[in-house]
C-alpha atoms as a PDB file:
ATOM      1  CA  MET A   1      -0.093   0.099   0.040  1.00  0.00           C
ATOM      2  CA  PRO A   2       3.050   2.451   0.629  1.00  0.00           C
ATOM      3  CA  GLY A   3       3.114   2.698  -3.384  1.00  0.00           C
ATOM      4  CA  ILE A   4      -0.410   3.899  -3.632  1.00  0.00           C
ATOM      5  CA  ALA A   5       0.754   7.107  -1.378  1.00  0.00           C
ATOM      6  CA  ASP A   6       3.326   8.505  -3.914  1.00  0.00           C
ATOM      7  CA  ASP A   7       0.616   7.512  -6.914  1.00  0.00           C
ATOM      8  CA  ILE A   8      -1.907   9.618  -5.514  1.00  0.00           C
ATOM      9  CA  ALA A   9      -0.164  12.632  -4.573  1.00  0.00           C
ATOM     10  CA  ARG A  10       1.971  12.476  -7.864  1.00  0.00           C
ATOM     11  CA  ARG A  11      -1.747  12.321  -9.957  1.00  0.00           C
ATOM     12  CA  MET A  12      -2.881  14.999  -7.726  1.00  0.00           C
ATOM     13  CA  ALA A  13       0.326  17.455  -8.716  1.00  0.00           C
ATOM     14  CA  ALA A  14      -0.278  16.263 -12.687  1.00  0.00           C
ATOM     15  CA  ALA A  15      -4.140  16.946 -12.600  1.00  0.00           C
ATOM     16  CA  ASP A  16      -3.958  20.714 -13.097  1.00  0.00           C
ATOM     17  CA  LEU A  17      -6.103  21.287 -10.597  1.00  0.00           C
ATOM     18  CA  PRO A  18      -7.166  25.170  -9.979  1.00  0.00           C
ATOM     19  CA  HIS A  19      -6.561  24.774  -6.727  1.00  0.00           C
ATOM     20  CA  LEU A  20      -3.927  22.305  -6.234  1.00  0.00           C
ATOM     21  CA  GLN A  21      -1.523  24.355  -3.555  1.00  0.00           C
ATOM     22  CA  GLU A  22      -4.751  24.422  -1.627  1.00  0.00           C
ATOM     23  CA  ASP A  23      -5.431  20.984  -2.295  1.00  0.00           C
ATOM     24  CA  LEU A  24      -1.584  19.780  -1.615  1.00  0.00           C
ATOM     25  CA  ASP A  25      -1.751  21.631   2.039  1.00  0.00           C
ATOM     26  CA  THR A  26      -5.269  20.632   3.001  1.00  0.00           C
ATOM     27  CA  THR A  27      -4.480  16.700   2.016  1.00  0.00           C
ATOM     28  CA  LEU A  28      -1.080  17.233   4.149  1.00  0.00           C
ATOM     29  CA  ALA A  29      -3.398  18.281   7.162  1.00  0.00           C
ATOM     30  CA  LEU A  30      -5.922  15.602   7.360  1.00  0.00           C
ATOM     31  CA  THR A  31      -3.307  13.081   6.616  1.00  0.00           C
ATOM     32  CA  ALA A  32      -1.341  14.225   9.423  1.00  0.00           C
ATOM     33  CA  ILE A  33      -4.398  13.789  11.804  1.00  0.00           C
ATOM     34  CA  GLY A  34      -6.199  11.116   9.996  1.00  0.00           C
ATOM     35  CA  ARG A  35      -6.406   7.652  11.752  1.00  0.00           C
ATOM     36  CA  VAL A  36      -6.707   5.859   8.650  1.00  0.00           C
ATOM     37  CA  ALA A  37      -3.684   7.361   7.126  1.00  0.00           C
ATOM     38  CA  ARG A  38      -1.861   6.147  10.118  1.00  0.00           C
ATOM     39  CA  GLU A  39      -3.254   2.649  10.920  1.00  0.00           C
ATOM     40  CA  SER A  40      -3.002   1.458   7.445  1.00  0.00           C
ATOM     41  CA  GLY A  41       0.822   2.675   7.461  1.00  0.00           C
ATOM     42  CA  VAL A  42       0.646   5.229   4.532  1.00  0.00           C
ATOM     43  CA  GLN A  43       0.970   7.962   6.697  1.00  0.00           C
ATOM     44  CA  ALA A  44       4.334   8.783   7.346  1.00  0.00           C
ATOM     45  CA  ASP A  45       4.794   7.903   3.048  1.00  0.00           C
ATOM     46  CA  LEU A  46       2.426  10.336   2.170  1.00  0.00           C
ATOM     47  CA  ILE A  47       3.387  13.047   4.290  1.00  0.00           C
ATOM     48  CA  ALA A  48       6.915  12.472   2.674  1.00  0.00           C
ATOM     49  CA  CYS A  49       5.181  12.830  -0.648  1.00  0.00           C
ATOM     50  CA  LEU A  50       3.240  15.777  -0.323  1.00  0.00           C
ATOM     51  CA  SER A  51       6.173  17.489   1.526  1.00  0.00           C
ATOM     52  CA  ARG A  52       8.189  16.772  -1.788  1.00  0.00           C
ATOM     53  CA  LEU A  53       5.337  18.306  -3.676  1.00  0.00           C
ATOM     54  CA  ARG A  54       5.789  21.550  -1.341  1.00  0.00           C
ATOM     55  CA  ALA A  55       2.685  20.912   0.164  1.00  0.00           C
ATOM     56  CA  ASP A  56       2.631  23.940   3.456  1.00  0.00           C
ATOM     57  CA  CYS A  57       3.667  21.787   6.630  1.00  0.00           C
ATOM     58  CA  SER A  58       2.339  24.703   9.230  1.00  0.00           C
ATOM     59  CA  ALA A  59      -1.071  24.101   9.272  1.00  0.00           C
ATOM     60  CA  ALA A  60      -0.358  20.030   9.608  1.00  0.00           C
ATOM     61  CA  VAL A  61       2.032  20.623  12.200  1.00  0.00           C
ATOM     62  CA  ARG A  62      -0.814  22.450  14.195  1.00  0.00           C
ATOM     63  CA  ALA A  63      -3.460  20.205  13.286  1.00  0.00           C
ATOM     64  CA  ALA A  64      -1.035  17.311  14.690  1.00  0.00           C
ATOM     65  CA  ALA A  65       0.025  18.349  17.558  1.00  0.00           C
ATOM     66  CA  GLY A  66      -3.581  19.537  18.503  1.00  0.00           C
ATOM     67  CA  HIS A  67      -4.719  16.136  17.830  1.00  0.00           C
ATOM     68  CA  GLY A  68      -1.759  14.563  19.668  1.00  0.00           C
ATOM     69  CA  GLU A  69      -0.355  12.843  16.456  1.00  0.00           C
ATOM     70  CA  VAL A  70       3.021  12.150  17.350  1.00  0.00           C
ATOM     71  CA  ALA A  71       3.553   9.784  14.586  1.00  0.00           C
ATOM     72  CA  ALA A  72       3.220  12.280  11.950  1.00  0.00           C
ATOM     73  CA  LEU A  73       5.074  14.879  13.965  1.00  0.00           C
ATOM     74  CA  GLU A  74       8.312  12.848  14.455  1.00  0.00           C
ATOM     75  CA  GLY A  75       7.913  10.548  11.125  1.00  0.00           C
ATOM     76  CA  GLY A  76       6.434   7.112  12.484  1.00  0.00           C
ATOM     77  CA  PRO A  77       7.927   4.261  14.463  1.00  0.00           C
ATOM     78  CA  ALA A  78      10.306   3.451  11.394  1.00  0.00           C
ATOM     79  CA  ARG A  79      11.401   7.084  11.490  1.00  0.00           C
ATOM     80  CA  ARG A  80      11.946   6.599   7.519  1.00  0.00           C
ATOM     81  CA  GLY A  81      10.722  10.034   6.500  1.00  0.00           C
ATOM     82  CA  GLY A  82       7.474  11.531   6.427  1.00  0.00           C
ATOM     83  CA  SER A  83       8.230  13.600   9.490  1.00  0.00           C
ATOM     84  CA  LEU A  84       6.320  16.721   9.678  1.00  0.00           C
ATOM     85  CA  LEU A  85       8.843  18.374  12.073  1.00  0.00           C
ATOM     86  CA  VAL A  86      11.562  17.448   9.720  1.00  0.00           C
ATOM     87  CA  ALA A  87       9.552  19.279   6.582  1.00  0.00           C
ATOM     88  CA  ALA A  88       8.595  22.399   8.262  1.00  0.00           C
ATOM     89  CA  ARG A  89      12.588  22.948   8.756  1.00  0.00           C
ATOM     90  CA  GLY A  90      13.095  22.282   5.209  1.00  0.00           C
ATOM     91  CA  GLY A  91      15.022  19.349   5.597  1.00  0.00           C
END
Protein backbone atom coordinates (compact mmCIF):
# COMPACT_ATOMS: atom_id res chain seq x y z
CA MET A 1 0.00 0.00 0.00
CA PRO A 2 2.83 2.54 0.55
CA GLY A 3 3.38 2.78 -3.22
CA ILE A 4 -0.17 4.08 -3.50
CA ALA A 5 0.68 7.14 -1.41
CA ASP A 6 3.18 8.44 -3.97
CA ASP A 7 0.80 7.59 -6.81
CA ILE A 8 -2.07 9.55 -5.26
CA ALA A 9 0.04 12.62 -4.58
CA ARG A 10 1.62 12.54 -8.07
CA ARG A 11 -1.81 12.23 -9.69
CA MET A 12 -2.99 15.26 -7.74
CA ALA A 13 0.00 17.26 -8.95
CA ALA A 14 -0.43 16.12 -12.55
CA ALA A 15 -4.18 16.81 -12.63
CA ASP A 16 -3.66 20.55 -13.12
CA LEU A 17 -6.26 21.33 -10.47
CA PRO A 18 -7.25 25.00 -10.19
CA HIS A 19 -6.49 25.07 -6.46
CA LEU A 20 -3.64 22.56 -6.37
CA GLN A 21 -1.64 24.24 -3.58
CA GLU A 22 -4.69 24.46 -1.34
CA ASP A 23 -5.55 20.83 -2.12
CA LEU A 24 -2.02 19.65 -1.30
CA ASP A 25 -1.98 21.65 1.95
CA THR A 26 -5.40 20.31 3.02
CA THR A 27 -4.46 16.75 2.10
CA LEU A 28 -1.29 17.03 4.18
CA ALA A 29 -3.18 18.35 7.20
CA LEU A 30 -5.82 15.62 6.92
CA THR A 31 -3.11 12.98 6.51
CA ALA A 32 -1.37 14.27 9.63
CA ILE A 33 -4.46 13.84 11.79
CA GLY A 34 -6.04 10.88 10.03
CA ARG A 35 -6.38 7.59 11.86
CA VAL A 36 -6.88 5.65 8.62
CA ALA A 37 -3.61 6.86 7.10
CA ARG A 38 -1.73 6.08 10.33
CA GLU A 39 -3.29 2.66 10.91
CA SER A 40 -2.88 1.55 7.30
CA GLY A 41 0.81 2.40 7.36
CA VAL A 42 0.81 5.12 4.68
CA GLN A 43 0.92 8.23 6.86
CA ALA A 44 4.69 8.73 6.84
CA ASP A 45 4.98 7.98 3.12
CA LEU A 46 2.16 10.36 2.23
CA ILE A 47 3.59 13.11 4.44
CA ALA A 48 6.99 12.69 2.80
CA CYS A 49 5.52 12.74 -0.71
CA LEU A 50 3.25 15.74 -0.07
CA SER A 51 6.18 17.58 1.49
CA ARG A 52 8.29 16.92 -1.61
CA LEU A 53 5.43 18.40 -3.66
CA ARG A 54 5.77 21.56 -1.55
CA ALA A 55 2.62 21.21 0.56
CA ASP A 56 2.68 23.75 3.40
CA CYS A 57 3.56 21.97 6.63
CA SER A 58 2.65 24.74 9.06
CA ALA A 59 -1.09 24.00 9.28
CA ALA A 60 -0.40 20.26 9.35
CA VAL A 61 2.04 20.67 12.26
CA ARG A 62 -0.56 22.61 14.25
CA ALA A 63 -3.28 20.06 13.42
CA ALA A 64 -1.10 17.07 14.31
CA ALA A 65 0.03 18.66 17.57
CA GLY A 66 -3.53 19.55 18.49
CA HIS A 67 -4.69 15.99 17.85
CA GLY A 68 -1.73 14.36 19.58
CA GLU A 69 -0.47 12.71 16.38
CA VAL A 70 3.09 12.12 17.55
CA ALA A 71 3.85 9.69 14.71
CA ALA A 72 3.06 12.37 12.11
CA LEU A 73 5.21 14.92 13.91
CA GLU A 74 8.18 12.62 14.39
CA GLY A 75 8.02 10.54 11.23
CA GLY A 76 6.39 7.34 12.39
CA PRO A 77 7.75 4.38 14.29
CA ALA A 78 10.39 3.49 11.70
CA ARG A 79 11.54 7.13 11.39
CA ARG A 80 12.03 6.51 7.69
CA GLY A 81 10.93 10.01 6.70
CA GLY A 82 7.59 11.67 6.63
CA SER A 83 8.27 13.85 9.66
CA LEU A 84 6.27 17.07 9.67
CA LEU A 85 8.82 18.69 11.95
CA VAL A 86 11.67 17.89 9.58
CA ALA A 87 9.64 19.00 6.55
CA ALA A 88 8.64 22.25 8.26
CA ARG A 89 12.33 23.01 8.84
CA GLY A 90 12.98 22.42 5.15
CA GLY A 91 14.81 19.15 5.64
